[in-house]
N, C-alpha and C. Protein backbone atom coordinates (compact mmCIF):
# COMPACT_ATOMS: atom_id res chain seq x y z
N UNK A 1 8.64 -7.82 8.27
CA UNK A 1 7.72 -6.78 7.86
C UNK A 1 6.84 -6.37 9.03
N UNK A 2 6.68 -5.11 9.16
CA UNK A 2 5.88 -4.53 10.23
C UNK A 2 4.39 -4.76 9.96
N UNK A 3 3.67 -5.24 10.95
CA UNK A 3 2.24 -5.53 10.79
C UNK A 3 1.44 -4.28 10.42
N UNK A 4 1.80 -3.14 10.99
CA UNK A 4 1.09 -1.89 10.68
C UNK A 4 1.25 -1.53 9.21
N UNK A 5 2.47 -1.68 8.69
CA UNK A 5 2.70 -1.38 7.28
C UNK A 5 1.89 -2.31 6.38
N UNK A 6 1.80 -3.57 6.78
CA UNK A 6 1.01 -4.52 6.00
C UNK A 6 -0.48 -4.18 6.05
N UNK A 7 -0.94 -3.69 7.19
CA UNK A 7 -2.33 -3.27 7.32
C UNK A 7 -2.61 -2.09 6.37
N UNK A 8 -1.68 -1.15 6.32
CA UNK A 8 -1.82 -0.01 5.41
C UNK A 8 -1.78 -0.49 3.96
N UNK A 9 -0.86 -1.39 3.66
CA UNK A 9 -0.76 -1.95 2.31
C UNK A 9 -2.08 -2.60 1.89
N UNK A 10 -2.65 -3.42 2.76
CA UNK A 10 -3.92 -4.08 2.45
C UNK A 10 -5.03 -3.05 2.18
N UNK A 11 -5.07 -2.00 2.98
CA UNK A 11 -6.10 -0.97 2.80
C UNK A 11 -5.95 -0.26 1.46
N UNK A 12 -4.72 0.09 1.10
CA UNK A 12 -4.50 0.75 -0.19
C UNK A 12 -4.83 -0.21 -1.33
N UNK A 13 -4.45 -1.48 -1.19
CA UNK A 13 -4.75 -2.47 -2.23
C UNK A 13 -6.25 -2.65 -2.39
N UNK A 14 -6.99 -2.58 -1.30
CA UNK A 14 -8.44 -2.74 -1.33
C UNK A 14 -9.11 -1.50 -1.96
N UNK A 15 -8.68 -0.33 -1.52
CA UNK A 15 -9.31 0.93 -1.96
C UNK A 15 -8.76 1.44 -3.29
N UNK A 16 -7.52 1.08 -3.60
CA UNK A 16 -6.80 1.63 -4.75
C UNK A 16 -6.81 3.16 -4.72
N UNK A 17 -6.68 3.68 -3.49
CA UNK A 17 -6.69 5.12 -3.28
C UNK A 17 -6.06 5.39 -1.91
N UNK A 18 -5.01 6.20 -1.89
CA UNK A 18 -4.30 6.45 -0.64
C UNK A 18 -5.15 7.24 0.35
N UNK A 19 -5.92 8.20 -0.15
CA UNK A 19 -6.75 9.02 0.74
C UNK A 19 -7.86 8.20 1.38
N UNK A 20 -8.55 7.38 0.59
CA UNK A 20 -9.63 6.54 1.15
C UNK A 20 -9.07 5.50 2.11
N UNK A 21 -7.90 4.96 1.81
CA UNK A 21 -7.27 4.01 2.74
C UNK A 21 -6.96 4.72 4.05
N UNK A 22 -6.47 5.95 3.97
CA UNK A 22 -6.20 6.72 5.18
C UNK A 22 -7.45 6.97 5.99
N UNK A 23 -8.54 7.31 5.33
CA UNK A 23 -9.80 7.52 6.04
C UNK A 23 -10.24 6.24 6.75
N UNK A 24 -10.11 5.11 6.09
CA UNK A 24 -10.52 3.84 6.69
C UNK A 24 -9.67 3.49 7.90
N UNK A 25 -8.40 3.92 7.88
CA UNK A 25 -7.47 3.59 8.96
C UNK A 25 -7.29 4.74 9.95
N UNK A 26 -7.99 5.85 9.72
CA UNK A 26 -7.85 7.05 10.56
C UNK A 26 -6.42 7.58 10.52
N UNK A 27 -5.86 7.62 9.30
CA UNK A 27 -4.53 8.16 9.05
C UNK A 27 -4.64 9.21 7.95
N UNK A 28 -3.68 10.12 7.93
CA UNK A 28 -3.63 11.09 6.83
C UNK A 28 -3.11 10.40 5.57
N UNK A 29 -3.39 11.01 4.43
CA UNK A 29 -2.87 10.49 3.17
C UNK A 29 -1.35 10.46 3.20
N UNK A 30 -0.75 11.47 3.83
CA UNK A 30 0.70 11.54 3.95
C UNK A 30 1.25 10.38 4.77
N UNK A 31 0.59 10.04 5.86
CA UNK A 31 1.03 8.92 6.70
C UNK A 31 0.93 7.61 5.93
N UNK A 32 -0.13 7.45 5.15
CA UNK A 32 -0.28 6.25 4.33
C UNK A 32 0.85 6.17 3.32
N UNK A 33 1.14 7.27 2.65
CA UNK A 33 2.22 7.31 1.67
C UNK A 33 3.56 6.97 2.30
N UNK A 34 3.81 7.48 3.50
CA UNK A 34 5.06 7.19 4.20
C UNK A 34 5.17 5.71 4.55
N UNK A 35 4.08 5.11 4.99
CA UNK A 35 4.10 3.68 5.33
C UNK A 35 4.35 2.83 4.09
N UNK A 36 3.72 3.17 2.99
CA UNK A 36 3.92 2.42 1.75
C UNK A 36 5.35 2.61 1.24
N UNK A 37 5.86 3.83 1.30
CA UNK A 37 7.24 4.09 0.87
C UNK A 37 8.23 3.29 1.71
N UNK A 38 8.00 3.22 3.01
CA UNK A 38 8.88 2.46 3.90
C UNK A 38 8.82 0.97 3.57
N UNK A 39 7.63 0.46 3.28
CA UNK A 39 7.48 -0.95 2.93
C UNK A 39 8.16 -1.24 1.59
N UNK A 40 8.00 -0.35 0.62
CA UNK A 40 8.65 -0.53 -0.67
C UNK A 40 10.17 -0.50 -0.52
N UNK A 41 10.67 0.38 0.32
CA UNK A 41 12.11 0.45 0.57
C UNK A 41 12.60 -0.84 1.22
N UNK A 42 11.85 -1.32 2.19
CA UNK A 42 12.21 -2.57 2.89
C UNK A 42 12.24 -3.75 1.92
N UNK A 43 11.28 -3.79 1.01
CA UNK A 43 11.18 -4.92 0.08
C UNK A 43 12.01 -4.73 -1.19
N UNK A 44 12.46 -3.51 -1.42
CA UNK A 44 13.30 -3.24 -2.58
C UNK A 44 12.55 -3.23 -3.90
N UNK A 45 11.29 -2.81 -3.87
CA UNK A 45 10.51 -2.76 -5.11
C UNK A 45 9.29 -1.88 -4.97
N UNK A 46 8.65 -1.62 -6.09
CA UNK A 46 7.45 -0.80 -6.12
C UNK A 46 6.23 -1.70 -6.02
N UNK A 47 5.31 -1.35 -5.13
CA UNK A 47 4.11 -2.15 -4.91
C UNK A 47 2.90 -1.59 -5.65
N UNK A 48 2.93 -0.29 -5.92
CA UNK A 48 1.80 0.37 -6.59
C UNK A 48 2.31 1.21 -7.75
N UNK A 49 1.57 1.18 -8.84
CA UNK A 49 1.82 2.07 -9.97
C UNK A 49 0.92 3.28 -9.77
N UNK A 50 1.54 4.43 -9.56
CA UNK A 50 0.80 5.66 -9.28
C UNK A 50 0.88 6.58 -10.51
N UNK A 51 0.12 6.25 -11.52
CA UNK A 51 0.17 7.06 -12.74
C UNK A 51 -1.20 7.64 -13.06
N UNK A 52 -1.20 8.84 -13.62
CA UNK A 52 -2.43 9.51 -14.04
C UNK A 52 -3.49 9.53 -12.95
N UNK A 53 -3.07 9.81 -11.76
CA UNK A 53 -3.99 9.92 -10.62
C UNK A 53 -4.73 8.62 -10.34
N UNK A 54 -4.19 7.52 -10.85
CA UNK A 54 -4.75 6.20 -10.58
C UNK A 54 -3.72 5.39 -9.82
N UNK A 55 -4.20 4.50 -9.00
CA UNK A 55 -3.32 3.62 -8.25
C UNK A 55 -3.66 2.19 -8.64
N UNK A 56 -2.64 1.44 -9.05
CA UNK A 56 -2.82 0.04 -9.40
C UNK A 56 -1.70 -0.77 -8.77
N UNK A 57 -2.01 -2.00 -8.43
CA UNK A 57 -0.98 -2.90 -7.91
C UNK A 57 -0.02 -3.28 -9.03
N UNK A 58 1.27 -3.31 -8.72
CA UNK A 58 2.26 -3.84 -9.64
C UNK A 58 2.27 -5.36 -9.47
N UNK A 59 2.97 -6.08 -10.33
CA UNK A 59 3.09 -7.53 -10.11
C UNK A 59 3.66 -7.86 -8.73
N UNK A 60 4.62 -7.07 -8.26
CA UNK A 60 5.17 -7.29 -6.92
C UNK A 60 4.11 -7.04 -5.85
N UNK A 61 3.25 -6.05 -6.08
CA UNK A 61 2.17 -5.77 -5.14
C UNK A 61 1.15 -6.89 -5.10
N UNK A 62 0.82 -7.44 -6.26
CA UNK A 62 -0.11 -8.57 -6.32
C UNK A 62 0.48 -9.77 -5.58
N UNK A 63 1.77 -10.02 -5.80
CA UNK A 63 2.43 -11.15 -5.13
C UNK A 63 2.41 -10.97 -3.61
N UNK A 64 2.69 -9.75 -3.15
CA UNK A 64 2.67 -9.51 -1.70
C UNK A 64 1.26 -9.66 -1.16
N UNK A 65 0.28 -9.14 -1.86
CA UNK A 65 -1.11 -9.26 -1.40
C UNK A 65 -1.52 -10.73 -1.29
N UNK A 66 -1.16 -11.52 -2.28
CA UNK A 66 -1.46 -12.95 -2.22
C UNK A 66 -0.76 -13.62 -1.04
N UNK A 67 0.46 -13.18 -0.78
CA UNK A 67 1.24 -13.76 0.32
C UNK A 67 0.65 -13.40 1.69
N UNK A 68 0.27 -12.15 1.88
CA UNK A 68 -0.22 -11.73 3.19
C UNK A 68 -1.67 -12.14 3.42
N UNK A 69 -2.41 -12.39 2.35
CA UNK A 69 -3.80 -12.83 2.49
C UNK A 69 -3.93 -14.35 2.54
N UNK A 70 -2.84 -15.06 2.34
CA UNK A 70 -2.90 -16.54 2.34
C UNK A 70 -3.11 -17.09 3.72
């Protein structure tokens, strides 16, 4: 896993918002989305539930967050 993608993942998990994570990392919302999509593709699963304009961690996202923060 690419360290930059994990950094973006942590920011989105912390903010629960792609735009705010992008601001914190000095990236566009689109760049954040692309990094998360690439990480999800690499891992073969969805890390965030993006429904009703809300972002929440999926169980796979929680597991990854616990793993990278350990």
